[in-house]
């Protein structure tokens, strides 16, 4: 919807100049007959309805322009120009299924880059059911079949977290399900791009997974979505040496997209520091991107952290706190180490 369309909408609800003059005259003279009061109430109601309608239209127009659901826009704190950077990685699913137990699931959107996949799913419970957002956790499976490359995806990690909807005690709840691979990071294949996602709900449980709120396994249903093959990110081969603690490690590679950062550390095989609470436990909390203009973007959520004790490869995949132009990233920092990207060319360019 264009600005002109919205202007025309507001004008259709506006009083004529003659009506404005008559109303002003009555107000100045203090004349408030029953008919006047009734007219003013109706006029105010009309303006309120117009404002609500315009707000809804603006939200729809904003989503259509950006390609990103407004809940995801809020998650990334993004504006329309930011969201356009990832338009090629957004799939508008809009698939709905109602189970025999009265629950309804809607797969709204899927957001994907090379190493991360996020599915926006909304659950609606039967009327009269309250779903406290802070006490619910979702278990689901997002199987990904490889696209044209014919190569497997390998292992993966997944999870889901609640996106607030403004009414934390109603019968609606929205989750962002996410997964990332634990294999092939920095490899030749693009695990998610051009693949097919099969998304299946399992259970909605309480926060600690002890009590089942809704069981979807008795009536299995899978949403199927073809993922785009466009990559919005940049892959760098770094092979930069650094020290973490008393040991020398190698930052092997780095991937930057508008919504994620992923990198691989080459450490010693069977390194006990990669298990338990060691300095590596703080990688996410200390991961920061510095932009060319001096601004910074922090890692917000861990989409995947894995370690292969045989090869010594430690892989980290994080969601960024805001949509970021990969071309504007000047350096990566974590664990008090900073790695400059100056002079480096992305692979394939």
Protein backbone atom coordinates (compact mmCIF):
# COMPACT_ATOMS: atom_id res chain seq x y z
CA UNK A 1 0.00 0.00 0.00
CA UNK A 2 1.42 3.35 -1.04
CA UNK A 3 1.58 6.57 0.98
CA UNK A 4 -1.03 8.03 -1.35
CA UNK A 5 -3.42 5.14 -0.62
CA UNK A 6 -3.04 5.70 3.14
CA UNK A 7 -3.60 9.45 2.71
CA UNK A 8 -6.78 8.77 0.73
CA UNK A 9 -7.95 6.43 3.49
CA UNK A 10 -7.55 9.08 6.18
CA UNK A 11 -9.22 11.70 3.99
CA UNK A 12 -12.27 9.45 3.52
CA UNK A 13 -12.85 9.52 7.28
CA UNK A 14 -12.17 13.25 7.70
CA UNK A 15 -15.04 15.78 8.13
CA UNK A 16 -15.72 18.25 5.33
CA UNK A 17 -14.73 21.92 5.80
CA UNK A 18 -18.43 22.79 6.33
CA UNK A 19 -18.74 20.14 9.08
CA UNK A 20 -15.55 21.41 10.77
CA UNK A 21 -16.83 25.00 10.74
CA UNK A 22 -20.22 23.99 12.14
CA UNK A 23 -18.69 21.92 14.91
CA UNK A 24 -16.30 24.72 15.87
CA UNK A 25 -19.15 27.22 15.97
CA UNK A 26 -21.19 24.98 18.28
CA UNK A 27 -18.25 24.42 20.58
CA UNK A 28 -17.56 28.15 20.84
CA UNK A 29 -21.22 28.88 21.63
CA UNK A 30 -21.39 26.03 24.12
CA UNK A 31 -24.43 24.58 22.41
CA UNK A 32 -24.53 20.83 23.08
CA UNK A 33 -27.92 19.51 22.10
CA UNK A 34 -28.66 15.78 22.24
CA UNK A 35 -28.20 15.65 18.49
CA UNK A 36 -24.82 17.43 18.76
CA UNK A 37 -23.57 15.09 21.46
CA UNK A 38 -24.71 12.06 19.49
CA UNK A 39 -22.99 13.34 16.34
CA UNK A 40 -19.72 14.05 18.20
CA UNK A 41 -19.72 10.56 19.73
CA UNK A 42 -20.29 8.97 16.36
CA UNK A 43 -17.56 11.14 14.81
CA UNK A 44 -15.08 10.17 17.56
CA UNK A 45 -15.93 6.50 17.12
CA UNK A 46 -15.40 6.88 13.40
CA UNK A 47 -11.99 8.45 13.95
CA UNK A 48 -11.01 5.68 16.39
CA UNK A 49 -12.08 3.02 13.91
CA UNK A 50 -10.17 4.80 11.17
CA UNK A 51 -7.05 4.97 13.32
CA UNK A 52 -7.24 1.24 14.11
CA UNK A 53 -7.81 0.37 10.47
CA UNK A 54 -4.94 2.59 9.39
CA UNK A 55 -2.61 1.03 11.98
CA UNK A 56 -3.45 -2.45 10.72
CA UNK A 57 -2.97 -1.36 7.13
CA UNK A 58 0.37 0.24 7.99
CA UNK A 59 1.55 -2.97 9.69
CA UNK A 60 0.51 -5.04 6.68
CA UNK A 61 2.13 -2.61 4.27
CA UNK A 62 5.32 -2.60 6.37
CA UNK A 63 5.48 -6.41 6.37
CA UNK A 64 4.82 -6.57 2.62
CA UNK A 65 7.52 -3.98 1.91
CA UNK A 66 10.15 -5.61 4.10
CA UNK A 67 9.30 -9.27 3.51
CA UNK A 68 9.75 -9.98 7.23
CA UNK A 69 7.03 -10.71 9.78
CA UNK A 70 6.58 -7.90 12.30
CA UNK A 71 7.47 -10.21 15.22
CA UNK A 72 10.79 -10.95 13.55
CA UNK A 73 11.22 -7.27 12.81
CA UNK A 74 10.82 -6.60 16.53
CA UNK A 75 13.27 -9.39 17.39
CA UNK A 76 15.98 -7.81 15.26
CA UNK A 77 14.96 -4.22 16.02
CA UNK A 78 14.88 -3.73 12.27
CA UNK A 79 13.54 -1.14 9.89
CA UNK A 80 12.33 -1.72 6.36
CA UNK A 81 15.70 -0.99 4.76
CA UNK A 82 17.41 -3.48 7.11
CA UNK A 83 14.89 -6.21 6.33
CA UNK A 84 15.34 -5.81 2.60
CA UNK A 85 18.88 -7.17 3.03
CA UNK A 86 17.48 -10.60 3.86
CA UNK A 87 14.46 -10.58 1.55
CA UNK A 88 16.01 -13.38 -0.52
CA UNK A 89 16.23 -15.60 2.55
CA UNK A 90 12.61 -15.23 3.67
CA UNK A 91 10.00 -17.84 2.73
CA UNK A 92 6.37 -16.88 3.30
CA UNK A 93 4.90 -20.24 4.31
CA UNK A 94 1.40 -19.37 5.68
CA UNK A 95 0.55 -23.03 6.25
CA UNK A 96 -2.11 -23.91 8.85
CA UNK A 97 -3.16 -27.23 10.38
CA UNK A 98 -5.79 -27.96 13.05
CA UNK A 99 -5.30 -31.11 15.09
CA UNK A 100 -8.08 -33.35 16.36
CA UNK A 101 -7.27 -32.25 19.92
CA UNK A 102 -8.44 -28.72 19.03
CA UNK A 103 -5.03 -27.10 18.72
CA UNK A 104 -4.06 -25.14 15.60
CA UNK A 105 -0.52 -24.62 14.33
CA UNK A 106 0.51 -22.08 11.71
CA UNK A 107 3.92 -22.07 10.09
CA UNK A 108 4.14 -18.39 9.17
CA UNK A 109 7.63 -17.74 7.82
CA UNK A 110 11.01 -19.42 7.46
CA UNK A 111 14.21 -17.38 7.58
CA UNK A 112 17.36 -19.02 6.26
CA UNK A 113 20.99 -18.36 5.41
CA UNK A 114 23.88 -20.78 4.83
CA UNK A 115 24.20 -22.06 8.39
CA UNK A 116 21.03 -21.00 10.20
CA UNK A 117 17.37 -21.78 9.78
CA UNK A 118 14.58 -20.17 11.79
CA UNK A 119 10.88 -21.05 11.53
CA UNK A 120 8.19 -18.75 12.91
CA UNK A 121 5.32 -20.90 14.21
CA UNK A 122 2.19 -19.83 16.08
CA UNK A 123 0.12 -22.19 18.24
CA UNK A 124 -3.51 -21.57 19.18
CA UNK A 125 -5.01 -23.57 22.03
CA UNK A 126 -8.72 -24.36 22.39
CA UNK A 127 -10.79 -21.48 23.74
CA UNK A 128 -10.45 -21.01 27.46
CA UNK A 129 -6.85 -22.27 27.58
CA UNK A 130 -4.23 -19.91 28.96
CA UNK A 131 -0.68 -20.18 27.62
CA UNK A 132 1.74 -18.29 29.88
CA UNK A 133 4.61 -17.36 27.58
CA UNK A 134 7.33 -17.58 30.20
CA UNK A 135 6.41 -21.17 31.14
CA UNK A 136 6.17 -22.87 27.75
CA UNK A 137 8.74 -24.70 25.65
CA UNK A 138 8.30 -26.28 22.23
CA UNK A 139 9.74 -29.54 20.96
CA UNK A 140 9.74 -29.93 17.19
CA UNK A 141 11.77 -31.54 14.43
CA UNK A 142 12.99 -29.65 11.38
CA UNK A 143 14.35 -32.22 8.96
CA UNK A 144 16.20 -30.78 5.98
CA UNK A 145 16.64 -32.76 2.79
CA UNK A 146 19.60 -31.60 0.69
CA UNK A 147 18.97 -29.82 -2.56
CA UNK A 148 20.78 -30.22 -5.85
CA UNK A 149 24.18 -30.96 -4.29
CA UNK A 150 23.02 -34.40 -3.22
CA UNK A 151 25.20 -34.25 -0.11
CA UNK A 152 23.93 -34.78 3.44
CA UNK A 153 23.46 -32.14 6.06
CA UNK A 154 25.20 -33.96 8.89
CA UNK A 155 24.39 -33.47 12.56
CA UNK A 156 22.60 -30.44 13.88
CA UNK A 157 21.46 -28.66 17.00
CA UNK A 158 18.05 -27.08 17.42
CA UNK A 159 15.80 -25.30 19.87
CA UNK A 160 12.95 -22.80 20.17
CA UNK A 161 12.19 -19.68 22.15
CA UNK A 162 9.06 -17.60 22.67
CA UNK A 163 8.44 -14.33 20.85
CA UNK A 164 6.21 -12.04 22.96
CA UNK A 165 2.83 -11.24 21.40
CA UNK A 166 1.60 -8.49 23.74
CA UNK A 167 -0.79 -10.73 25.71
CA UNK A 168 1.24 -13.31 27.63
CA UNK A 169 -1.81 -15.08 29.10
CA UNK A 170 -4.05 -15.60 26.05
CA UNK A 171 -4.47 -18.85 24.10
CA UNK A 172 -1.90 -17.89 21.42
CA UNK A 173 1.85 -18.40 21.63
CA UNK A 174 4.52 -17.77 19.00
CA UNK A 175 7.86 -19.58 18.82
CA UNK A 176 10.97 -19.10 16.76
CA UNK A 177 12.29 -22.60 16.12
CA UNK A 178 15.93 -22.61 15.03
CA UNK A 179 18.55 -25.10 13.97
CA UNK A 180 22.06 -25.10 12.60
CA UNK A 181 24.40 -27.82 11.39
CA UNK A 182 27.27 -29.23 13.41
CA UNK A 183 28.97 -30.52 10.27
CA UNK A 184 30.33 -28.90 7.12
CA UNK A 185 30.82 -25.47 8.64
CA UNK A 186 33.36 -23.92 6.30
CA UNK A 187 32.94 -26.81 3.87
CA UNK A 188 32.14 -26.73 0.19
CA UNK A 189 28.39 -27.32 0.49
CA UNK A 190 25.64 -24.92 1.51
CA UNK A 191 23.69 -27.04 4.01
CA UNK A 192 20.37 -25.22 4.04
CA UNK A 193 20.24 -23.23 0.80
CA UNK A 194 18.14 -24.87 -1.90
CA UNK A 195 17.01 -27.64 0.44
CA UNK A 196 13.55 -28.72 1.57
CA UNK A 197 12.37 -28.29 5.15
CA UNK A 198 9.94 -30.73 6.75
CA UNK A 199 8.73 -29.23 10.02
CA UNK A 200 6.89 -31.43 12.53
CA UNK A 201 5.59 -30.48 15.97
CA UNK A 202 6.14 -32.96 18.80
CA UNK A 203 5.10 -31.48 22.15
CA UNK A 204 4.38 -28.24 23.93
CA UNK A 205 5.65 -28.58 27.48
CA UNK A 206 6.15 -26.46 30.52
CA UNK A 207 9.39 -24.54 30.88
CA UNK A 208 11.29 -27.46 32.41
CA UNK A 209 9.89 -30.11 30.07
CA UNK A 210 8.26 -32.01 32.92
CA UNK A 211 4.55 -31.50 32.18
CA UNK A 212 3.07 -31.90 28.69
CA UNK A 213 0.64 -29.12 27.76
CA UNK A 214 -0.15 -30.47 24.27
CA UNK A 215 0.94 -33.71 22.57
CA UNK A 216 1.02 -33.65 18.76
CA UNK A 217 2.61 -37.08 18.27
CA UNK A 218 -0.71 -38.96 18.23
CA UNK A 219 -1.63 -37.16 15.01
CA UNK A 220 1.65 -36.46 13.19
CA UNK A 221 1.54 -33.67 10.64
CA UNK A 222 4.42 -32.12 8.74
CA UNK A 223 4.72 -28.74 7.07
CA UNK A 224 6.90 -28.78 3.96
CA UNK A 225 8.74 -25.71 2.65
CA UNK A 226 11.23 -25.32 -0.19
CA UNK A 227 14.11 -23.13 0.98
CA UNK A 228 15.67 -20.44 -1.22
CA UNK A 229 19.08 -20.98 -2.78
CA UNK A 230 20.23 -17.36 -2.43
CA UNK A 231 22.95 -16.78 0.17
CA UNK A 232 22.85 -13.38 1.86
CA UNK A 233 26.17 -13.95 3.66
CA UNK A 234 29.93 -13.93 3.11
CA UNK A 235 32.38 -16.73 3.86
CA UNK A 236 36.00 -15.94 4.78
CA UNK A 237 38.95 -18.29 5.09
CA UNK A 238 41.11 -16.75 7.81
CA UNK A 239 43.64 -19.23 9.27
CA UNK A 240 44.70 -16.63 11.83
CA UNK A 241 46.69 -17.72 14.88
CA UNK A 242 45.83 -16.45 18.33
CA UNK A 243 46.09 -17.46 21.95
CA UNK A 244 43.23 -18.32 24.25
CA UNK A 245 44.43 -18.86 27.76
CA UNK A 246 47.81 -20.60 27.59
CA UNK A 247 47.14 -22.36 24.29
CA UNK A 248 47.59 -21.32 20.69
CA UNK A 249 44.49 -21.83 18.51
CA UNK A 250 43.55 -20.98 14.94
CA UNK A 251 40.51 -19.05 13.78
CA UNK A 252 39.97 -21.11 10.65
CA UNK A 253 37.01 -19.40 8.99
CA UNK A 254 34.26 -16.86 9.45
CA UNK A 255 30.76 -16.54 8.01
CA UNK A 256 28.76 -13.31 8.20
CA UNK A 257 25.16 -12.85 7.12
CA UNK A 258 22.68 -10.08 7.96
CA UNK A 259 21.27 -12.24 10.78
CA UNK A 260 24.11 -14.50 11.98
CA UNK A 261 27.79 -14.98 12.61
CA UNK A 262 29.52 -18.37 12.46
CA UNK A 263 33.16 -19.32 12.90
CA UNK A 264 35.40 -22.34 13.46
CA UNK A 265 38.29 -22.60 15.93
CA UNK A 266 40.93 -25.23 15.36
CA UNK A 267 42.12 -26.44 18.75
CA UNK A 268 43.80 -29.61 19.98
CA UNK A 269 41.91 -32.89 19.63
CA UNK A 270 40.33 -34.09 22.88
CA UNK A 271 40.84 -30.65 24.40
CA UNK A 272 39.14 -30.77 27.84
CA UNK A 273 38.61 -26.99 27.79
CA UNK A 274 35.81 -27.44 25.25
CA UNK A 275 33.77 -29.35 27.83
CA UNK A 276 32.40 -27.83 31.01
CA UNK A 277 32.79 -24.32 32.35
CA UNK A 278 36.02 -22.96 30.89
CA UNK A 279 36.94 -19.78 29.03
CA UNK A 280 35.18 -21.19 25.95
CA UNK A 281 31.88 -20.96 27.84
CA UNK A 282 32.05 -17.19 27.37
CA UNK A 283 32.45 -17.17 23.59
CA UNK A 284 28.89 -16.06 22.84
CA UNK A 285 28.80 -13.38 25.54
CA UNK A 286 32.03 -11.85 24.21
CA UNK A 287 31.34 -12.13 20.46
CA UNK A 288 31.06 -8.63 18.95
CA UNK A 289 31.19 -7.33 15.39
CA UNK A 290 32.65 -3.87 14.88
CA UNK A 291 31.33 -1.98 11.87
CA UNK A 292 33.15 0.38 9.54
CA UNK A 293 31.43 3.37 11.15
CA UNK A 294 32.55 2.32 14.63
CA UNK A 295 29.22 0.82 15.68
CA UNK A 296 29.02 -2.63 17.25
CA UNK A 297 26.67 -5.62 16.97
CA UNK A 298 26.60 -8.35 19.60
CA UNK A 299 25.73 -12.03 19.39
CA UNK A 300 22.36 -12.64 21.06
CA UNK A 301 21.49 -16.35 20.90
CA UNK A 302 23.48 -19.53 20.33
CA UNK A 303 22.04 -21.37 17.34
CA UNK A 304 24.80 -23.96 17.58
CA UNK A 305 27.96 -24.69 19.57
CA UNK A 306 29.72 -27.97 18.90
CA UNK A 307 33.11 -29.61 19.25
CA UNK A 308 34.57 -32.58 17.38
CA UNK A 309 37.12 -34.16 19.75
CA UNK A 310 38.62 -36.19 16.90
CA UNK A 311 39.52 -33.27 14.62
CA UNK A 312 39.69 -30.54 17.27
CA UNK A 313 37.21 -28.31 15.41
CA UNK A 314 35.03 -26.10 17.61
CA UNK A 315 32.12 -24.51 15.76
CA UNK A 316 30.01 -21.59 16.92
CA UNK A 317 26.85 -20.22 15.26
CA UNK A 318 25.10 -17.20 16.79
CA UNK A 319 22.11 -15.04 15.98
CA UNK A 320 22.99 -11.36 15.77
CA UNK A 321 21.20 -8.77 17.85
CA UNK A 322 20.23 -6.76 14.77
CA UNK A 323 20.19 -7.08 11.01
CA UNK A 324 23.67 -6.18 9.80
CA UNK A 325 25.19 -5.54 6.38
CA UNK A 326 28.09 -8.05 6.08
CA UNK A 327 29.95 -5.61 3.85
CA UNK A 328 30.12 -3.11 6.72
CA UNK A 329 31.76 -5.49 9.22
CA UNK A 330 35.36 -4.42 9.93
CA UNK A 331 36.36 -6.93 12.62
CA UNK A 332 35.30 -9.83 14.83
CA UNK A 333 36.07 -9.95 18.56
CA UNK A 334 35.63 -12.69 21.16
CA UNK A 335 37.39 -13.70 24.37
CA UNK A 336 39.44 -10.47 24.30
CA UNK A 337 40.79 -11.25 20.81
CA UNK A 338 40.11 -9.06 17.78
CA UNK A 339 40.44 -10.17 14.15
CA UNK A 340 40.46 -7.57 11.41
CA UNK A 341 38.84 -8.23 8.03
CA UNK A 342 40.76 -5.44 6.34
CA UNK A 343 42.13 -6.57 2.99
CA UNK A 344 40.37 -9.94 3.09
CA UNK A 345 38.19 -11.03 0.18
CA UNK A 346 35.19 -13.34 0.72
CA UNK A 347 35.42 -16.78 -0.86
CA UNK A 348 33.90 -16.89 -4.33
CA UNK A 349 34.47 -13.19 -5.05
